[in-house]
Amino acid sequence: MCHSEPSPHAATAGELAPPDRADAPAPLVQGEPVEVSEGVFVIPDNRVPIVPNVGIVVGEHAALVIDTGIGDRNGGYVLEQARRLAGGRRLFLTLTHFHPEHGFGAQAFKGAATIVYNAAQRAELHRKGAAYADMFRGLSPAVAVEGVHFVDPDVTYTGEAEVDLGGRKVLLREVGPAHTVGDQVILVDDRILFGGDLLENRMFPIAPYFPPHDTDVDADRWITVLDQLLALAPAVVVPGHGEVSDATLIRDVRDYLDHVRTETTRLRDRGTTEDEAAERISDSARSRWSTWEHPEWTSFAVRAFYNGHPAA
């Protein structure tokens, strides 16, 4: 993992940047939490861009919130829903990763919940947070990042941490670098998995490969992580975006990434340029996974595999 490169910023002409979402609905977390298993709730993203699936896990004496949405308005709404479900129980907050739509509402929780990040996630937020706010500000006028300020966690960990909610097992596990350096999954009662943007349902996975400003996505290791998640055999899988599913979702995303890796390696070894490989593989993926949304992300994944990952 290379830490020496500049932070991402709003891209200029010729640079890779997130796709324009100017015509998308306002990225608001809204609606009632849906109980996907006893005491485990999801506020669904409703397939709105720049909105995550938000989790709320309620135990006997505490509740855990997973992701916040972007901005203080979304964070406040999630906090309101968490308090309603928790009914006076102590609150914890954790994030699947630092990206704005997942964690830039955390300021609403400061002082209201115990905030827990893994150490790599905290460092990545410090290193990249301000520049990602600039980048997201340019995606759509409806993206409310004005007034966002970053909050440090109350607790950090490395490896794994167990959160005591009472009467249920909740395990936080750092698994990055993959989609980001500080990726984290949350496993509830050994059967419910919150995977963040390691997983998308009927959407092409987001590979945040934005050279020269952020090339930390480790696409090869991402596949390894998905193999590890498959071995857990979760009964319920909550992706970062898209509908709640089961372990077949992990297999679907893994198969897609493996296809992109195989085709990218084949074309690169034949001398195909990066641009041509990105175009050809994007076209074939769009045809093969024709029901998936946001095919523009395949080009980013091809470029990440084509260039490999910087040495540690």
Protein backbone atom coordinates (compact mmCIF):
# COMPACT_ATOMS: atom_id res chain seq x y z
CA MET A 1 0.00 0.00 0.00
CA CYS A 2 1.57 3.26 -1.13
CA HIS A 3 0.87 6.26 1.10
CA SER A 4 3.06 8.77 -0.71
CA GLU A 5 0.73 9.81 -3.51
CA PRO A 6 -1.37 13.00 -3.27
CA SER A 7 -4.91 12.87 -1.98
CA PRO A 8 -7.74 12.78 -4.53
CA HIS A 9 -9.32 16.02 -5.59
CA ALA A 10 -11.92 17.22 -8.02
CA ALA A 11 -10.58 15.86 -11.29
CA THR A 12 -9.50 18.03 -14.17
CA ALA A 13 -9.85 17.15 -17.84
CA GLY A 14 -8.20 13.86 -18.73
CA GLU A 15 -8.26 12.46 -15.19
CA LEU A 16 -10.42 9.58 -14.00
CA ALA A 17 -13.16 10.75 -11.66
CA PRO A 18 -16.46 9.36 -10.36
CA PRO A 19 -19.29 9.46 -12.91
CA ASP A 20 -21.45 12.59 -13.01
CA ARG A 21 -24.63 12.17 -10.95
CA ALA A 22 -26.08 15.63 -11.66
CA ASP A 23 -29.40 14.18 -12.85
CA ALA A 24 -29.83 11.77 -9.91
CA PRO A 25 -32.34 12.39 -7.10
CA ALA A 26 -31.10 14.13 -3.98
CA PRO A 27 -29.03 11.59 -1.99
CA LEU A 28 -31.27 11.38 1.04
CA VAL A 29 -31.47 8.51 3.51
CA GLN A 30 -35.20 8.17 4.07
CA GLY A 31 -37.96 5.71 4.81
CA GLU A 32 -38.66 3.29 7.60
CA PRO A 33 -36.04 0.79 8.78
CA VAL A 34 -36.83 -2.72 7.54
CA GLU A 35 -36.22 -5.68 9.88
CA VAL A 36 -34.14 -8.20 7.90
CA SER A 37 -33.59 -10.50 10.87
CA GLU A 38 -34.72 -10.30 14.49
CA GLY A 39 -33.35 -7.05 15.89
CA VAL A 40 -31.40 -6.24 12.72
CA PHE A 41 -32.72 -3.37 10.61
CA VAL A 42 -31.75 -1.78 7.31
CA ILE A 43 -32.78 1.63 6.02
CA PRO A 44 -32.64 0.71 2.31
CA ASP A 45 -30.94 2.88 -0.28
CA ASN A 46 -33.89 2.45 -2.68
CA ARG A 47 -31.28 2.31 -5.46
CA VAL A 48 -30.66 6.06 -5.25
CA PRO A 49 -27.07 6.99 -6.18
CA ILE A 50 -24.85 8.27 -3.33
CA VAL A 51 -27.16 6.70 -0.74
CA PRO A 52 -25.97 3.61 1.20
CA ASN A 53 -27.85 0.87 2.97
CA VAL A 54 -27.76 1.88 6.63
CA GLY A 55 -27.78 -0.79 9.35
CA ILE A 56 -29.12 -0.66 12.91
CA VAL A 57 -28.50 -3.69 15.13
CA VAL A 58 -30.34 -3.75 18.47
CA GLY A 59 -29.18 -5.82 21.43
CA GLU A 60 -30.42 -6.14 24.99
CA HIS A 61 -28.65 -3.05 26.29
CA ALA A 62 -27.08 -1.27 23.28
CA ALA A 63 -27.52 -0.70 19.55
CA LEU A 64 -25.01 -0.39 16.71
CA VAL A 65 -25.47 1.91 13.71
CA ILE A 66 -23.62 0.97 10.50
CA ASP A 67 -23.00 3.92 8.12
CA THR A 68 -24.67 7.33 8.16
CA GLY A 69 -25.29 8.69 4.67
CA ILE A 70 -23.66 11.90 3.45
CA GLY A 71 -23.96 15.15 5.37
CA ASP A 72 -25.44 16.31 8.63
CA ARG A 73 -29.06 16.01 7.47
CA ASN A 74 -28.69 12.31 6.68
CA GLY A 75 -26.66 11.68 9.82
CA GLY A 76 -29.34 13.35 11.91
CA TYR A 77 -32.08 11.27 10.30
CA VAL A 78 -30.18 8.03 10.92
CA LEU A 79 -29.53 9.05 14.54
CA GLU A 80 -33.25 9.75 14.99
CA GLN A 81 -34.18 6.31 13.65
CA ALA A 82 -31.52 4.62 15.78
CA ARG A 83 -32.75 6.32 18.93
CA ARG A 84 -36.32 5.28 18.16
CA LEU A 85 -35.34 1.64 17.71
CA ALA A 86 -32.86 1.63 20.60
CA GLY A 87 -35.42 2.98 23.06
CA GLY A 88 -32.89 4.48 25.46
CA ARG A 89 -30.18 1.90 24.93
CA ARG A 90 -26.58 3.03 24.52
CA LEU A 91 -25.57 3.72 20.90
CA PHE A 92 -22.48 2.75 18.95
CA LEU A 93 -21.57 3.89 15.42
CA THR A 94 -19.21 2.24 12.98
CA LEU A 95 -18.54 2.66 9.23
CA THR A 96 -17.90 0.10 6.53
CA HIS A 97 -15.35 2.53 5.02
CA PHE A 98 -14.56 6.25 4.91
CA HIS A 99 -16.23 7.23 1.62
CA PRO A 100 -18.54 10.28 1.88
CA GLU A 101 -21.90 8.59 1.30
CA HIS A 102 -21.10 6.06 4.01
CA GLY A 103 -19.51 8.16 6.72
CA PHE A 104 -19.78 11.90 6.15
CA GLY A 105 -22.80 12.12 8.45
CA ALA A 106 -20.86 10.90 11.48
CA GLN A 107 -20.71 14.38 12.99
CA ALA A 108 -24.36 13.99 14.02
CA PHE A 109 -23.32 11.13 16.30
CA LYS A 110 -20.45 12.83 18.11
CA GLY A 111 -21.36 12.82 21.80
CA ALA A 112 -24.51 10.79 21.11
CA ALA A 113 -22.80 7.46 20.38
CA THR A 114 -19.50 5.70 20.91
CA ILE A 115 -17.81 5.88 17.49
CA VAL A 116 -15.61 2.93 16.49
CA TYR A 117 -13.31 2.80 13.41
CA ASN A 118 -10.41 0.56 12.58
CA ALA A 119 -7.06 2.37 12.65
CA ALA A 120 -6.53 2.17 8.88
CA GLN A 121 -9.96 3.67 8.26
CA ARG A 122 -9.26 6.56 10.60
CA ALA A 123 -5.92 7.25 8.90
CA GLU A 124 -7.54 7.10 5.45
CA LEU A 125 -10.20 9.61 6.48
CA HIS A 126 -7.52 12.00 7.69
CA ARG A 127 -5.50 11.55 4.50
CA LYS A 128 -8.28 11.76 1.94
CA GLY A 129 -11.46 13.08 3.55
CA ALA A 130 -11.25 16.76 2.57
CA ALA A 131 -10.34 15.97 -1.03
CA TYR A 132 -13.15 13.43 -1.36
CA ALA A 133 -15.57 16.07 -0.08
CA ASP A 134 -14.39 18.32 -2.92
CA MET A 135 -14.78 15.48 -5.41
CA PHE A 136 -18.32 14.62 -4.30
CA ARG A 137 -19.30 18.29 -4.24
CA GLY A 138 -18.69 18.31 -7.97
CA LEU A 139 -20.90 15.30 -8.73
CA SER A 140 -24.27 16.96 -8.24
CA PRO A 141 -25.67 20.20 -6.81
CA ALA A 142 -27.81 18.03 -4.52
CA VAL A 143 -24.81 16.51 -2.71
CA ALA A 144 -24.78 18.32 0.62
CA VAL A 145 -21.21 18.30 1.88
CA GLU A 146 -21.14 21.94 2.93
CA GLY A 147 -20.63 22.17 6.67
CA VAL A 148 -19.37 18.62 6.96
CA HIS A 149 -16.62 18.26 9.52
CA PHE A 150 -14.77 15.06 10.25
CA VAL A 151 -14.94 13.45 13.65
CA ASP A 152 -12.39 11.14 15.15
CA PRO A 153 -13.55 7.85 16.62
CA ASP A 154 -13.79 7.33 20.34
CA VAL A 155 -12.31 3.85 19.91
CA THR A 156 -9.97 2.42 17.27
CA TYR A 157 -8.91 -1.18 16.75
CA THR A 158 -6.76 -3.33 14.51
CA GLY A 159 -7.68 -6.78 13.27
CA GLU A 160 -11.00 -7.53 14.94
CA ALA A 161 -13.17 -6.04 17.66
CA GLU A 162 -16.32 -7.33 19.31
CA VAL A 163 -19.05 -4.85 20.27
CA ASP A 164 -21.11 -5.86 23.29
CA LEU A 165 -24.74 -5.04 22.56
CA GLY A 166 -26.06 -7.65 24.96
CA GLY A 167 -27.44 -11.01 23.93
CA ARG A 168 -25.88 -11.08 20.48
CA LYS A 169 -22.43 -11.38 18.93
CA VAL A 170 -21.30 -8.45 16.78
CA LEU A 171 -17.86 -8.68 15.23
CA LEU A 172 -16.07 -5.84 13.43
CA ARG A 173 -13.32 -7.08 11.12
CA GLU A 174 -10.91 -5.00 9.05
CA VAL A 175 -10.39 -6.60 5.64
CA GLY A 176 -8.68 -3.87 3.59
CA PRO A 177 -7.01 -2.91 1.45
CA ALA A 178 -9.58 -3.89 -1.16
CA HIS A 179 -12.26 -1.37 -2.19
CA THR A 180 -10.48 1.04 0.19
CA VAL A 181 -7.54 0.72 2.54
CA GLY A 182 -9.74 0.68 5.64
CA ASP A 183 -12.54 -1.64 4.52
CA GLN A 184 -14.48 -3.20 7.37
CA VAL A 185 -17.19 -5.86 7.47
CA ILE A 186 -19.62 -6.39 10.32
CA LEU A 187 -20.79 -9.91 11.17
CA VAL A 188 -23.84 -10.24 13.42
CA ASP A 189 -24.52 -13.53 15.21
CA ASP A 190 -22.25 -15.34 12.70
CA ARG A 191 -24.99 -15.16 10.07
CA ILE A 192 -25.71 -11.56 9.01
CA LEU A 193 -23.01 -9.76 7.02
CA PHE A 194 -22.75 -6.04 6.32
CA GLY A 195 -20.25 -5.80 3.47
CA GLY A 196 -20.18 -2.13 2.51
CA ASP A 197 -19.00 -1.42 -1.01
CA LEU A 198 -17.18 -4.72 -1.29
CA LEU A 199 -20.63 -5.78 -2.50
CA GLU A 200 -23.30 -4.19 -4.70
CA ASN A 201 -26.55 -5.83 -5.75
CA ARG A 202 -27.30 -5.63 -9.49
CA MET A 203 -24.80 -2.81 -9.77
CA PHE A 204 -21.28 -2.95 -11.14
CA PRO A 205 -18.89 -2.77 -8.18
CA ILE A 206 -17.31 0.63 -7.58
CA ALA A 207 -13.55 0.56 -8.13
CA PRO A 208 -12.31 3.97 -6.92
CA TYR A 209 -9.24 4.10 -9.18
CA PHE A 210 -8.51 7.81 -9.68
CA PRO A 211 -4.85 8.23 -10.70
CA PRO A 212 -2.72 10.01 -9.80
CA HIS A 213 -4.69 11.06 -6.74
CA ASP A 214 -6.03 7.78 -5.37
CA THR A 215 -4.91 4.36 -6.60
CA ASP A 216 -5.29 2.52 -3.30
CA VAL A 217 -8.00 0.15 -4.53
CA ASP A 218 -6.48 -3.35 -4.47
CA ALA A 219 -8.61 -5.26 -6.95
CA ASP A 220 -6.70 -8.54 -6.65
CA ARG A 221 -7.01 -8.59 -2.89
CA TRP A 222 -10.69 -7.67 -3.19
CA ILE A 223 -11.27 -11.07 -4.78
CA THR A 224 -9.37 -12.74 -1.95
CA VAL A 225 -11.55 -10.94 0.59
CA LEU A 226 -14.70 -12.12 -1.19
CA ASP A 227 -13.42 -15.70 -0.99
CA GLN A 228 -13.01 -15.20 2.76
CA LEU A 229 -16.54 -13.83 3.05
CA LEU A 230 -17.93 -16.78 1.08
CA ALA A 231 -16.31 -19.11 3.62
CA LEU A 232 -18.39 -17.46 6.35
CA ALA A 233 -21.57 -18.66 4.58
CA PRO A 234 -23.77 -15.81 5.85
CA ALA A 235 -27.53 -16.28 5.60
CA VAL A 236 -28.22 -12.55 5.12
CA VAL A 237 -25.93 -10.22 3.17
CA VAL A 238 -26.37 -6.44 3.26
CA PRO A 239 -24.46 -4.78 0.41
CA GLY A 240 -23.30 -1.19 0.37
CA HIS A 241 -25.88 -0.45 -2.32
CA GLY A 242 -28.82 -2.44 -3.65
CA GLU A 243 -31.19 -4.96 -2.15
CA VAL A 244 -30.43 -7.21 0.82
CA SER A 245 -29.57 -10.71 -0.37
CA ASP A 246 -27.73 -13.86 0.69
CA ALA A 247 -24.32 -15.43 0.00
CA THR A 248 -25.09 -15.78 -3.71
CA LEU A 249 -24.46 -12.04 -3.96
CA ILE A 250 -20.87 -12.52 -2.80
CA ARG A 251 -20.38 -15.16 -5.49
CA ASP A 252 -21.88 -12.90 -8.17
CA VAL A 253 -19.53 -10.01 -7.38
CA ARG A 254 -16.55 -12.33 -7.09
CA ASP A 255 -17.30 -13.90 -10.49
CA TYR A 256 -17.57 -10.47 -12.12
CA LEU A 257 -14.27 -9.25 -10.67
CA ASP A 258 -12.54 -12.49 -11.61
CA HIS A 259 -13.83 -12.13 -15.17
CA VAL A 260 -12.49 -8.59 -15.39
CA ARG A 261 -9.13 -9.68 -13.97
CA THR A 262 -8.84 -12.63 -16.37
CA GLU A 263 -9.75 -10.59 -19.43
CA THR A 264 -7.56 -7.65 -18.44
CA THR A 265 -4.55 -9.91 -17.91
CA ARG A 266 -5.15 -11.65 -21.24
CA LEU A 267 -5.42 -8.42 -23.21
CA ARG A 268 -2.53 -6.71 -21.43
CA ASP A 269 -0.27 -9.71 -22.10
CA ARG A 270 -1.19 -9.48 -25.79
CA GLY A 271 -0.08 -5.86 -25.88
CA THR A 272 -3.53 -4.29 -25.87
CA THR A 273 -3.46 -0.73 -24.56
CA GLU A 274 -5.14 0.18 -21.31
CA ASP A 275 -7.76 2.32 -23.06
CA GLU A 276 -8.61 -0.38 -25.59
CA ALA A 277 -8.81 -3.05 -22.90
CA ALA A 278 -11.12 -0.84 -20.84
CA GLU A 279 -13.41 -0.28 -23.81
CA ARG A 280 -13.54 -3.93 -24.91
CA ILE A 281 -14.08 -5.40 -21.47
CA SER A 282 -16.66 -2.75 -20.59
CA ASP A 283 -18.65 -3.64 -23.71
CA SER A 284 -18.54 -7.37 -22.97
CA ALA A 285 -19.44 -6.90 -19.29
CA ARG A 286 -22.37 -4.66 -20.18
CA SER A 287 -23.70 -7.48 -22.38
CA ARG A 288 -22.98 -10.31 -19.95
CA TRP A 289 -24.42 -8.54 -16.88
CA SER A 290 -27.13 -6.72 -18.77
CA THR A 291 -29.44 -6.26 -15.76
CA TRP A 292 -26.78 -4.49 -13.66
CA GLU A 293 -26.73 -0.72 -13.29
CA HIS A 294 -23.81 1.72 -13.63
CA PRO A 295 -21.68 -0.14 -16.22
CA GLU A 296 -19.32 2.83 -16.35
CA TRP A 297 -17.53 1.40 -13.32
CA THR A 298 -16.13 -1.53 -15.33
CA SER A 299 -13.62 0.79 -17.00
CA PHE A 300 -12.25 1.77 -13.59
CA ALA A 301 -11.93 -1.87 -12.54
CA VAL A 302 -10.07 -2.74 -15.77
CA ARG A 303 -7.60 0.08 -15.18
CA ALA A 304 -7.04 -1.01 -11.58
CA PHE A 305 -6.24 -4.57 -12.69
CA TYR A 306 -4.23 -3.41 -15.71
CA ASN A 307 -1.87 -1.34 -13.60
CA GLY A 308 -1.72 -3.71 -10.65
CA HIS A 309 -1.37 -2.35 -7.14
CA PRO A 310 1.57 -0.26 -5.87
CA ALA A 311 4.09 -2.15 -3.82
CA ALA A 312 3.90 -1.81 -0.06
